[in-house]
Amino acid sequence: MIKFLINSYKTSDIIKYPLITSKTIQLLNENKYSFIVSSKTNKELIKKSIEQLFQVKVIKVTTSQLPKQKKCVGRSTGWKTRYKKAIITLIKGNKINLFKNN
């Protein structure tokens, strides 16, 4: 079932972009990487797409919803969570190169 879901979604639909902050830079020492992912995906789908995209082995995926943002459409206004934050823990020895080497 997971293989079918990955084939029906593009990895760019699941994983939006890496999250780079001072806290996430500190997590790199623990072999943890942070990504903004689509709010409709689950942990297994995130794990499989990270493994497929970067050719690494994922141990653990932790997710949390980002704070809601105000959305204005026509006359109605409301609050909507747009993305989810995922912290990916990799096996020791595996790395994801987020920064371009000079």
PDB file of N, CA and C in Angstrom:
ATOM      1  N   MET A   1       0.821  -1.194   0.000  1.00  0.00           N
ATOM      2  CA  MET A   1       0.000   0.000   0.000  1.00  0.00           C
ATOM      3  C   MET A   1       0.866   1.259   0.000  1.00  0.00           C
ATOM      4  N   ILE A   2       1.949   1.266   0.803  1.00  0.00           N
ATOM      5  CA  ILE A   2       2.819   2.437   0.871  1.00  0.00           C
ATOM      6  C   ILE A   2       3.502   2.648  -0.481  1.00  0.00           C
ATOM      7  N   LYS A   3       3.931   1.564  -1.131  1.00  0.00           N
ATOM      8  CA  LYS A   3       4.574   1.683  -2.435  1.00  0.00           C
ATOM      9  C   LYS A   3       3.613   2.323  -3.439  1.00  0.00           C
ATOM     10  N   PHE A   4       2.341   1.958  -3.384  1.00  0.00           N
ATOM     11  CA  PHE A   4       1.340   2.555  -4.255  1.00  0.00           C
ATOM     12  C   PHE A   4       1.185   4.048  -3.970  1.00  0.00           C
ATOM     13  N   LEU A   5       1.182   4.426  -2.683  1.00  0.00           N
ATOM     14  CA  LEU A   5       1.018   5.838  -2.324  1.00  0.00           C
ATOM     15  C   LEU A   5       2.193   6.676  -2.792  1.00  0.00           C
ATOM     16  N   ILE A   6       3.416   6.141  -2.674  1.00  0.00           N
ATOM     17  CA  ILE A   6       4.587   6.892  -3.126  1.00  0.00           C
ATOM     18  C   ILE A   6       4.540   7.071  -4.633  1.00  0.00           C
ATOM     19  N   ASN A   7       4.121   6.053  -5.362  1.00  0.00           N
ATOM     20  CA  ASN A   7       4.052   6.162  -6.817  1.00  0.00           C
ATOM     21  C   ASN A   7       2.951   7.116  -7.263  1.00  0.00           C
ATOM     22  N   SER A   8       1.880   7.265  -6.470  1.00  0.00           N
ATOM     23  CA  SER A   8       0.802   8.161  -6.876  1.00  0.00           C
ATOM     24  C   SER A   8       1.110   9.621  -6.524  1.00  0.00           C
ATOM     25  N   TYR A   9       2.005   9.858  -5.564  1.00  0.00           N
ATOM     26  CA  TYR A   9       2.434  11.209  -5.207  1.00  0.00           C
ATOM     27  C   TYR A   9       3.837  11.456  -5.730  1.00  0.00           C
ATOM     28  N   LYS A  10       4.144  12.696  -6.026  1.00  0.00           N
ATOM     29  CA  LYS A  10       5.521  13.075  -6.307  1.00  0.00           C
ATOM     30  C   LYS A  10       6.180  13.365  -4.969  1.00  0.00           C
ATOM     31  N   THR A  11       7.484  13.107  -4.865  1.00  0.00           N
ATOM     32  CA  THR A  11       8.165  13.410  -3.603  1.00  0.00           C
ATOM     33  C   THR A  11       8.159  14.908  -3.334  1.00  0.00           C
ATOM     34  N   SER A  12       8.069  15.732  -4.367  1.00  0.00           N
ATOM     35  CA  SER A  12       7.984  17.178  -4.153  1.00  0.00           C
ATOM     36  C   SER A  12       6.626  17.580  -3.577  1.00  0.00           C
ATOM     37  N   ASP A  13       5.604  16.739  -3.751  1.00  0.00           N
ATOM     38  CA  ASP A  13       4.311  17.005  -3.134  1.00  0.00           C
ATOM     39  C   ASP A  13       4.330  16.656  -1.647  1.00  0.00           C
ATOM     40  N   ILE A  14       5.159  15.687  -1.274  1.00  0.00           N
ATOM     41  CA  ILE A  14       5.239  15.238   0.111  1.00  0.00           C
ATOM     42  C   ILE A  14       6.214  16.104   0.893  1.00  0.00           C
ATOM     43  N   ILE A  15       7.443  16.243   0.386  1.00  0.00           N
ATOM     44  CA  ILE A  15       8.490  17.000   1.063  1.00  0.00           C
ATOM     45  C   ILE A  15       8.625  18.343   0.367  1.00  0.00           C
ATOM     46  N   LYS A  16       8.323  19.414   1.088  1.00  0.00           N
ATOM     47  CA  LYS A  16       8.350  20.752   0.495  1.00  0.00           C
ATOM     48  C   LYS A  16       9.767  21.322   0.442  1.00  0.00           C
ATOM     49  N   TYR A  17      10.414  21.456   1.610  1.00  0.00           N
ATOM     50  CA  TYR A  17      11.768  22.018   1.669  1.00  0.00           C
ATOM     51  C   TYR A  17      12.370  21.743   3.040  1.00  0.00           C
ATOM     52  N   PRO A  18      13.708  21.789   3.155  1.00  0.00           N
ATOM     53  CA  PRO A  18      14.330  21.619   4.477  1.00  0.00           C
ATOM     54  C   PRO A  18      14.139  22.871   5.322  1.00  0.00           C
ATOM     55  N   LEU A  19      14.022  22.677   6.611  1.00  0.00           N
ATOM     56  CA  LEU A  19      13.854  23.782   7.544  1.00  0.00           C
ATOM     57  C   LEU A  19      15.211  24.080   8.175  1.00  0.00           C
ATOM     58  N   ILE A  20      15.732  25.288   7.940  1.00  0.00           N
ATOM     59  CA  ILE A  20      17.052  25.664   8.435  1.00  0.00           C
ATOM     60  C   ILE A  20      16.879  26.806   9.441  1.00  0.00           C
ATOM     61  N   THR A  21      17.075  26.507  10.719  1.00  0.00           N
ATOM     62  CA  THR A  21      17.077  27.495  11.787  1.00  0.00           C
ATOM     63  C   THR A  21      18.260  27.186  12.694  1.00  0.00           C
ATOM     64  N   SER A  22      18.483  28.007  13.697  1.00  0.00           N
ATOM     65  CA  SER A  22      19.601  27.745  14.612  1.00  0.00           C
ATOM     66  C   SER A  22      19.381  26.452  15.392  1.00  0.00           C
ATOM     67  N   LYS A  23      18.145  26.148  15.735  1.00  0.00           N
ATOM     68  CA  LYS A  23      17.852  24.916  16.460  1.00  0.00           C
ATOM     69  C   LYS A  23      18.045  23.683  15.575  1.00  0.00           C
ATOM     70  N   THR A  24      17.624  23.769  14.321  1.00  0.00           N
ATOM     71  CA  THR A  24      17.780  22.609  13.437  1.00  0.00           C
ATOM     72  C   THR A  24      19.240  22.388  13.057  1.00  0.00           C
ATOM     73  N   ILE A  25      20.049  23.440  13.051  1.00  0.00           N
ATOM     74  CA  ILE A  25      21.483  23.282  12.806  1.00  0.00           C
ATOM     75  C   ILE A  25      22.108  22.492  13.958  1.00  0.00           C
ATOM     76  N   GLN A  26      21.669  22.740  15.191  1.00  0.00           N
ATOM     77  CA  GLN A  26      22.167  21.989  16.334  1.00  0.00           C
ATOM     78  C   GLN A  26      21.737  20.527  16.280  1.00  0.00           C
ATOM     79  N   LEU A  27      20.556  20.260  15.714  1.00  0.00           N
ATOM     80  CA  LEU A  27      20.078  18.885  15.589  1.00  0.00           C
ATOM     81  C   LEU A  27      20.891  18.076  14.583  1.00  0.00           C
ATOM     82  N   LEU A  28      21.585  18.744  13.667  1.00  0.00           N
ATOM     83  CA  LEU A  28      22.411  18.032  12.691  1.00  0.00           C
ATOM     84  C   LEU A  28      23.511  17.223  13.373  1.00  0.00           C
ATOM     85  N   ASN A  29      23.983  17.685  14.543  1.00  0.00           N
ATOM     86  CA  ASN A  29      24.998  16.944  15.287  1.00  0.00           C
ATOM     87  C   ASN A  29      24.468  15.617  15.812  1.00  0.00           C
ATOM     88  N   GLU A  30      23.174  15.519  16.021  1.00  0.00           N
ATOM     89  CA  GLU A  30      22.531  14.292  16.486  1.00  0.00           C
ATOM     90  C   GLU A  30      22.003  13.451  15.318  1.00  0.00           C
ATOM     91  N   ASN A  31      22.367  13.828  14.091  1.00  0.00           N
ATOM     92  CA  ASN A  31      21.938  13.142  12.870  1.00  0.00           C
ATOM     93  C   ASN A  31      20.419  13.251  12.669  1.00  0.00           C
ATOM     94  N   LYS A  32      19.864  14.426  13.010  1.00  0.00           N
ATOM     95  CA  LYS A  32      18.440  14.699  12.826  1.00  0.00           C
ATOM     96  C   LYS A  32      18.289  15.848  11.840  1.00  0.00           C
ATOM     97  N   TYR A  33      17.362  15.698  10.910  1.00  0.00           N
ATOM     98  CA  TYR A  33      17.121  16.690   9.858  1.00  0.00           C
ATOM     99  C   TYR A  33      15.659  17.112   9.906  1.00  0.00           C
ATOM    100  N   SER A  34      15.405  18.398   9.675  1.00  0.00           N
ATOM    101  CA  SER A  34      14.039  18.929   9.722  1.00  0.00           C
ATOM    102  C   SER A  34      13.579  19.318   8.327  1.00  0.00           C
ATOM    103  N   PHE A  35      12.340  18.951   8.023  1.00  0.00           N
ATOM    104  CA  PHE A  35      11.750  19.263   6.726  1.00  0.00           C
ATOM    105  C   PHE A  35      10.333  19.767   6.938  1.00  0.00           C
ATOM    106  N   ILE A  36       9.889  20.638   6.042  1.00  0.00           N
ATOM    107  CA  ILE A  36       8.485  21.021   5.961  1.00  0.00           C
ATOM    108  C   ILE A  36       7.845  20.061   4.969  1.00  0.00           C
ATOM    109  N   VAL A  37       6.777  19.403   5.395  1.00  0.00           N
ATOM    110  CA  VAL A  37       6.101  18.415   4.554  1.00  0.00           C
ATOM    111  C   VAL A  37       4.631  18.795   4.408  1.00  0.00           C
ATOM    112  N   SER A  38       3.961  18.159   3.504  1.00  0.00           N
ATOM    113  CA  SER A  38       2.539  18.403   3.298  1.00  0.00           C
ATOM    114  C   SER A  38       1.755  17.961   4.528  1.00  0.00           C
ATOM    115  N   SER A  39       0.712  18.689   4.862  1.00  0.00           N
ATOM    116  CA  SER A  39      -0.053  18.388   6.076  1.00  0.00           C
ATOM    117  C   SER A  39      -0.909  17.127   5.938  1.00  0.00           C
ATOM    118  N   LYS A  40      -1.061  16.614   4.737  1.00  0.00           N
ATOM    119  CA  LYS A  40      -1.904  15.440   4.526  1.00  0.00           C
ATOM    120  C   LYS A  40      -1.137  14.127   4.539  1.00  0.00           C
ATOM    121  N   THR A  41       0.182  14.167   4.726  1.00  0.00           N
ATOM    122  CA  THR A  41       0.966  12.940   4.701  1.00  0.00           C
ATOM    123  C   THR A  41       1.137  12.370   6.103  1.00  0.00           C
ATOM    124  N   ASN A  42       1.403  11.063   6.161  1.00  0.00           N
ATOM    125  CA  ASN A  42       1.643  10.416   7.436  1.00  0.00           C
ATOM    126  C   ASN A  42       3.131  10.085   7.583  1.00  0.00           C
ATOM    127  N   LYS A  43       3.521   9.543   8.735  1.00  0.00           N
ATOM    128  CA  LYS A  43       4.923   9.295   9.037  1.00  0.00           C
ATOM    129  C   LYS A  43       5.546   8.247   8.110  1.00  0.00           C
ATOM    130  N   GLU A  44       4.808   7.206   7.802  1.00  0.00           N
ATOM    131  CA  GLU A  44       5.343   6.158   6.935  1.00  0.00           C
ATOM    132  C   GLU A  44       5.616   6.673   5.529  1.00  0.00           C
ATOM    133  N   LEU A  45       4.730   7.484   5.020  1.00  0.00           N
ATOM    134  CA  LEU A  45       4.909   8.052   3.687  1.00  0.00           C
ATOM    135  C   LEU A  45       6.094   9.018   3.655  1.00  0.00           C
ATOM    136  N   ILE A  46       6.268   9.798   4.733  1.00  0.00           N
ATOM    137  CA  ILE A  46       7.420  10.698   4.837  1.00  0.00           C
ATOM    138  C   ILE A  46       8.702   9.887   4.885  1.00  0.00           C
ATOM    139  N   LYS A  47       8.715   8.828   5.679  1.00  0.00           N
ATOM    140  CA  LYS A  47       9.902   7.973   5.813  1.00  0.00           C
ATOM    141  C   LYS A  47      10.294   7.362   4.474  1.00  0.00           C
ATOM    142  N   LYS A  48       9.341   6.796   3.768  1.00  0.00           N
ATOM    143  CA  LYS A  48       9.639   6.150   2.481  1.00  0.00           C
ATOM    144  C   LYS A  48      10.113   7.151   1.437  1.00  0.00           C
ATOM    145  N   SER A  49       9.531   8.342   1.423  1.00  0.00           N
ATOM    146  CA  SER A  49       9.945   9.318   0.420  1.00  0.00           C
ATOM    147  C   SER A  49      11.324   9.902   0.730  1.00  0.00           C
ATOM    148  N   ILE A  50      11.682  10.079   2.015  1.00  0.00           N
ATOM    149  CA  ILE A  50      13.035  10.527   2.372  1.00  0.00           C
ATOM    150  C   ILE A  50      14.051   9.459   1.980  1.00  0.00           C
ATOM    151  N   GLU A  51      13.741   8.197   2.268  1.00  0.00           N
ATOM    152  CA  GLU A  51      14.651   7.106   1.906  1.00  0.00           C
ATOM    153  C   GLU A  51      14.827   7.003   0.401  1.00  0.00           C
ATOM    154  N   GLN A  52      13.767   7.206  -0.339  1.00  0.00           N
ATOM    155  CA  GLN A  52      13.829   7.120  -1.794  1.00  0.00           C
ATOM    156  C   GLN A  52      14.551   8.325  -2.397  1.00  0.00           C
ATOM    157  N   LEU A  53      14.321   9.502  -1.857  1.00  0.00           N
ATOM    158  CA  LEU A  53      14.884  10.723  -2.412  1.00  0.00           C
ATOM    159  C   LEU A  53      16.378  10.871  -2.127  1.00  0.00           C
ATOM    160  N   PHE A  54      16.810  10.546  -0.902  1.00  0.00           N
ATOM    161  CA  PHE A  54      18.194  10.775  -0.504  1.00  0.00           C
ATOM    162  C   PHE A  54      19.032   9.497  -0.377  1.00  0.00           C
ATOM    163  N   GLN A  55      18.466   8.317  -0.592  1.00  0.00           N
ATOM    164  CA  GLN A  55      19.153   7.030  -0.464  1.00  0.00           C
ATOM    165  C   GLN A  55      19.803   6.882   0.917  1.00  0.00           C
ATOM    166  N   VAL A  56      19.023   7.084   1.972  1.00  0.00           N
ATOM    167  CA  VAL A  56      19.471   6.931   3.346  1.00  0.00           C
ATOM    168  C   VAL A  56      18.496   6.019   4.086  1.00  0.00           C
ATOM    169  N   LYS A  57      18.877   5.584   5.287  1.00  0.00           N
ATOM    170  CA  LYS A  57      18.011   4.741   6.115  1.00  0.00           C
ATOM    171  C   LYS A  57      17.496   5.567   7.287  1.00  0.00           C
ATOM    172  N   VAL A  58      16.175   5.678   7.417  1.00  0.00           N
ATOM    173  CA  VAL A  58      15.532   6.479   8.450  1.00  0.00           C
ATOM    174  C   VAL A  58      15.165   5.583   9.625  1.00  0.00           C
ATOM    175  N   ILE A  59      15.532   6.030  10.838  1.00  0.00           N
ATOM    176  CA  ILE A  59      15.172   5.302  12.057  1.00  0.00           C
ATOM    177  C   ILE A  59      13.810   5.762  12.573  1.00  0.00           C
ATOM    178  N   LYS A  60      13.647   7.088  12.649  1.00  0.00           N
ATOM    179  CA  LYS A  60      12.465   7.642  13.315  1.00  0.00           C
ATOM    180  C   LYS A  60      11.998   8.903  12.609  1.00  0.00           C
ATOM    181  N   VAL A  61      10.681   9.107  12.606  1.00  0.00           N
ATOM    182  CA  VAL A  61      10.077  10.329  12.070  1.00  0.00           C
ATOM    183  C   VAL A  61       9.170  10.914  13.145  1.00  0.00           C
ATOM    184  N   THR A  62       9.404  12.177  13.484  1.00  0.00           N
ATOM    185  CA  THR A  62       8.565  12.894  14.444  1.00  0.00           C
ATOM    186  C   THR A  62       7.930  14.064  13.704  1.00  0.00           C
ATOM    187  N   THR A  63       6.615  14.214  13.854  1.00  0.00           N
ATOM    188  CA  THR A  63       5.923  15.291  13.142  1.00  0.00           C
ATOM    189  C   THR A  63       5.208  16.200  14.128  1.00  0.00           C
ATOM    190  N   SER A  64       5.007  17.442  13.698  1.00  0.00           N
ATOM    191  CA  SER A  64       4.200  18.393  14.469  1.00  0.00           C
ATOM    192  C   SER A  64       3.588  19.395  13.499  1.00  0.00           C
ATOM    193  N   GLN A  65       2.416  19.879  13.842  1.00  0.00           N
ATOM    194  CA  GLN A  65       1.733  20.866  13.012  1.00  0.00           C
ATOM    195  C   GLN A  65       2.302  22.249  13.308  1.00  0.00           C
ATOM    196  N   LEU A  66       2.552  23.025  12.284  1.00  0.00           N
ATOM    197  CA  LEU A  66       2.992  24.396  12.465  1.00  0.00           C
ATOM    198  C   LEU A  66       1.794  25.253  12.863  1.00  0.00           C
ATOM    199  N   PRO A  67       2.044  26.407  13.486  1.00  0.00           N
ATOM    200  CA  PRO A  67       0.918  27.268  13.881  1.00  0.00           C
ATOM    201  C   PRO A  67       0.050  27.651  12.686  1.00  0.00           C
ATOM    202  N   LYS A  68      -1.205  27.876  12.965  1.00  0.00           N
ATOM    203  CA  LYS A  68      -2.154  28.206  11.910  1.00  0.00           C
ATOM    204  C   LYS A  68      -1.885  29.601  11.363  1.00  0.00           C
ATOM    205  N   GLN A  69      -2.141  29.761  10.072  1.00  0.00           N
ATOM    206  CA  GLN A  69      -1.956  31.040   9.401  1.00  0.00           C
ATOM    207  C   GLN A  69      -3.318  31.544   8.933  1.00  0.00           C
ATOM    208  N   LYS A  70      -3.470  32.846   8.930  1.00  0.00           N
ATOM    209  CA  LYS A  70      -4.734  33.434   8.499  1.00  0.00           C
ATOM    210  C   LYS A  70      -4.851  33.333   6.980  1.00  0.00           C
ATOM    211  N   LYS A  71      -5.996  32.885   6.543  1.00  0.00           N
ATOM    212  CA  LYS A  71      -6.251  32.718   5.117  1.00  0.00           C
ATOM    213  C   LYS A  71      -7.455  33.557   4.742  1.00  0.00           C
ATOM    214  N   CYS A  72      -7.299  34.410   3.761  1.00  0.00           N
ATOM    215  CA  CYS A  72      -8.394  35.271   3.313  1.00  0.00           C
ATOM    216  C   CYS A  72      -8.794  34.866   1.899  1.00  0.00           C
ATOM    217  N   VAL A  73     -10.033  34.476   1.738  1.00  0.00           N
ATOM    218  CA  VAL A  73     -10.557  34.128   0.421  1.00  0.00           C
ATOM    219  C   VAL A  73     -11.893  34.845   0.272  1.00  0.00           C
ATOM    220  N   GLY A  74     -11.930  35.805  -0.622  1.00  0.00           N
ATOM    221  CA  GLY A  74     -13.177  36.540  -0.823  1.00  0.00           C
ATOM    222  C   GLY A  74     -13.616  37.231   0.449  1.00  0.00           C
ATOM    223  N   ARG A  75     -14.831  36.974   0.863  1.00  0.00           N
ATOM    224  CA  ARG A  75     -15.350  37.610   2.073  1.00  0.00           C
ATOM    225  C   ARG A  75     -15.101  36.789   3.328  1.00  0.00           C
ATOM    226  N   SER A  76     -14.859  35.502   3.159  1.00  0.00           N
ATOM    227  CA  SER A  76     -14.669  34.671   4.345  1.00  0.00           C
ATOM    228  C   SER A  76     -13.195  34.640   4.749  1.00  0.00           C
ATOM    229  N   THR A  77     -12.942  34.731   6.025  1.00  0.00           N
ATOM    230  CA  THR A  77     -11.586  34.610   6.544  1.00  0.00           C
ATOM    231  C   THR A  77     -11.562  33.462   7.536  1.00  0.00           C
ATOM    232  N   GLY A  78     -10.458  32.778   7.578  1.00  0.00           N
ATOM    233  CA  GLY A  78     -10.350  31.662   8.500  1.00  0.00           C
ATOM    234  C   GLY A  78      -8.896  31.331   8.756  1.00  0.00           C
ATOM    235  N   TRP A  79      -8.692  30.318   9.556  1.00  0.00           N
ATOM    236  CA  TRP A  79      -7.349  29.897   9.921  1.00  0.00           C
ATOM    237  C   TRP A  79      -7.117  28.505   9.365  1.00  0.00           C
ATOM    238  N   LYS A  80      -5.933  28.301   8.831  1.00  0.00           N
ATOM    239  CA  LYS A  80      -5.635  27.010   8.216  1.00  0.00           C
ATOM    240  C   LYS A  80      -4.168  26.650   8.442  1.00  0.00           C
ATOM    241  N   THR A  81      -3.924  25.404   8.832  1.00  0.00           N
ATOM    242  CA  THR A  81      -2.572  24.905   8.932  1.00  0.00           C
ATOM    243  C   THR A  81      -2.158  24.438   7.551  1.00  0.00           C
ATOM    244  N   ARG A  82      -1.070  24.972   7.053  1.00  0.00           N
ATOM    245  CA  ARG A  82      -0.678  24.653   5.691  1.00  0.00           C
ATOM    246  C   ARG A  82       0.344  23.538   5.607  1.00  0.00           C
ATOM    247  N   TYR A  83       1.276  23.486   6.546  1.00  0.00           N
ATOM    248  CA  TYR A  83       2.339  22.489   6.473  1.00  0.00           C
ATOM    249  C   TYR A  83       2.561  21.833   7.824  1.00  0.00           C
ATOM    250  N   LYS A  84       3.277  20.740   7.761  1.00  0.00           N
ATOM    251  CA  LYS A  84       3.665  19.982   8.919  1.00  0.00           C
ATOM    252  C   LYS A  84       5.181  19.994   8.983  1.00  0.00           C
ATOM    253  N   LYS A  85       5.744  19.994  10.176  1.00  0.00           N
ATOM    254  CA  LYS A  85       7.188  19.902  10.334  1.00  0.00           C
ATOM    255  C   LYS A  85       7.532  18.471  10.689  1.00  0.00           C
ATOM    256  N   ALA A  86       8.519  17.896  10.003  1.00  0.00           N
ATOM    257  CA  ALA A  86       8.957  16.531  10.278  1.00  0.00           C
ATOM    258  C   ALA A  86      10.432  16.554  10.649  1.00  0.00           C
ATOM    259  N   ILE A  87      10.769  15.900  11.756  1.00  0.00           N
ATOM    260  CA  ILE A  87      12.159  15.729  12.152  1.00  0.00           C
ATOM    261  C   ILE A  87      12.523  14.285  11.883  1.00  0.00           C
ATOM    262  N   ILE A  88      13.519  14.103  11.026  1.00  0.00           N
ATOM    263  CA  ILE A  88      13.937  12.784  10.564  1.00  0.00           C
ATOM    264  C   ILE A  88      15.222  12.392  11.278  1.00  0.00           C
ATOM    265  N   THR A  89      15.247  11.208  11.903  1.00  0.00           N
ATOM    266  CA  THR A  89      16.454  10.687  12.526  1.00  0.00           C
ATOM    267  C   THR A  89      17.012   9.587  11.632  1.00  0.00           C
ATOM    268  N   LEU A  90      18.282   9.724  11.263  1.00  0.00           N
ATOM    269  CA  LEU A  90      18.931   8.764  10.373  1.00  0.00           C
ATOM    270  C   LEU A  90      19.827   7.817  11.161  1.00  0.00           C
ATOM    271  N   ILE A  91      20.131   6.671  10.535  1.00  0.00           N
ATOM    272  CA  ILE A  91      21.081   5.722  11.108  1.00  0.00           C
ATOM    273  C   ILE A  91      22.458   6.369  11.134  1.00  0.00           C
ATOM    274  N   LYS A  92      23.235   6.037  12.161  1.00  0.00           N
ATOM    275  CA  LYS A  92      24.583   6.592  12.289  1.00  0.00           C
ATOM    276  C   LYS A  92      25.405   6.237  11.054  1.00  0.00           C
ATOM    277  N   GLY A  93      26.043   7.228  10.471  1.00  0.00           N
ATOM    278  CA  GLY A  93      26.832   7.030   9.260  1.00  0.00           C
ATOM    279  C   GLY A  93      26.151   7.565   8.009  1.00  0.00           C
ATOM    280  N   ASN A  94      24.830   7.671   8.020  1.00  0.00           N
ATOM    281  CA  ASN A  94      24.109   8.248   6.890  1.00  0.00           C
ATOM    282  C   ASN A  94      24.007   9.752   7.062  1.00  0.00           C
ATOM    283  N   LYS A  95      24.100  10.480   5.955  1.00  0.00           N
ATOM    284  CA  LYS A  95      23.992  11.932   5.984  1.00  0.00           C
ATOM    285  C   LYS A  95      23.197  12.416   4.788  1.00  0.00           C
ATOM    286  N   ILE A  96      22.554  13.557   4.963  1.00  0.00           N
ATOM    287  CA  ILE A  96      21.896  14.271   3.872  1.00  0.00           C
ATOM    288  C   ILE A  96      22.659  15.575   3.691  1.00  0.00           C
ATOM    289  N   ASN A  97      23.125  15.829   2.487  1.00  0.00           N
ATOM    290  CA  ASN A  97      23.900  17.034   2.208  1.00  0.00           C
ATOM    291  C   ASN A  97      22.929  18.177   1.875  1.00  0.00           C
ATOM    292  N   LEU A  98      22.657  19.017   2.873  1.00  0.00           N
ATOM    293  CA  LEU A  98      21.744  20.137   2.685  1.00  0.00           C
ATOM    294  C   LEU A  98      22.455  21.384   2.154  1.00  0.00           C
ATOM    295  N   PHE A  99      23.753  21.474   2.391  1.00  0.00           N
ATOM    296  CA  PHE A  99      24.508  22.652   2.001  1.00  0.00           C
ATOM    297  C   PHE A  99      25.472  22.292   0.883  1.00  0.00           C
ATOM    298  N   LYS A 100      25.591  23.180  -0.082  1.00  0.00           N
ATOM    299  CA  LYS A 100      26.481  22.954  -1.212  1.00  0.00           C
ATOM    300  C   LYS A 100      27.916  23.139  -0.764  1.00  0.00           C
ATOM    301  N   ASN A 101      28.776  22.155  -1.094  1.00  0.00           N
ATOM    302  CA  ASN A 101      30.191  22.260  -0.757  1.00  0.00           C
ATOM    303  C   ASN A 101      30.903  23.155  -1.748  1.00  0.00           C
ATOM    304  N   ASN A 102      31.769  24.016  -1.249  1.00  0.00           N
ATOM    305  CA  ASN A 102      32.537  24.901  -2.129  1.00  0.00           C
ATOM    306  C   ASN A 102      33.858  24.274  -2.482  1.00  0.00           C
TER     307      ASN A 102
END
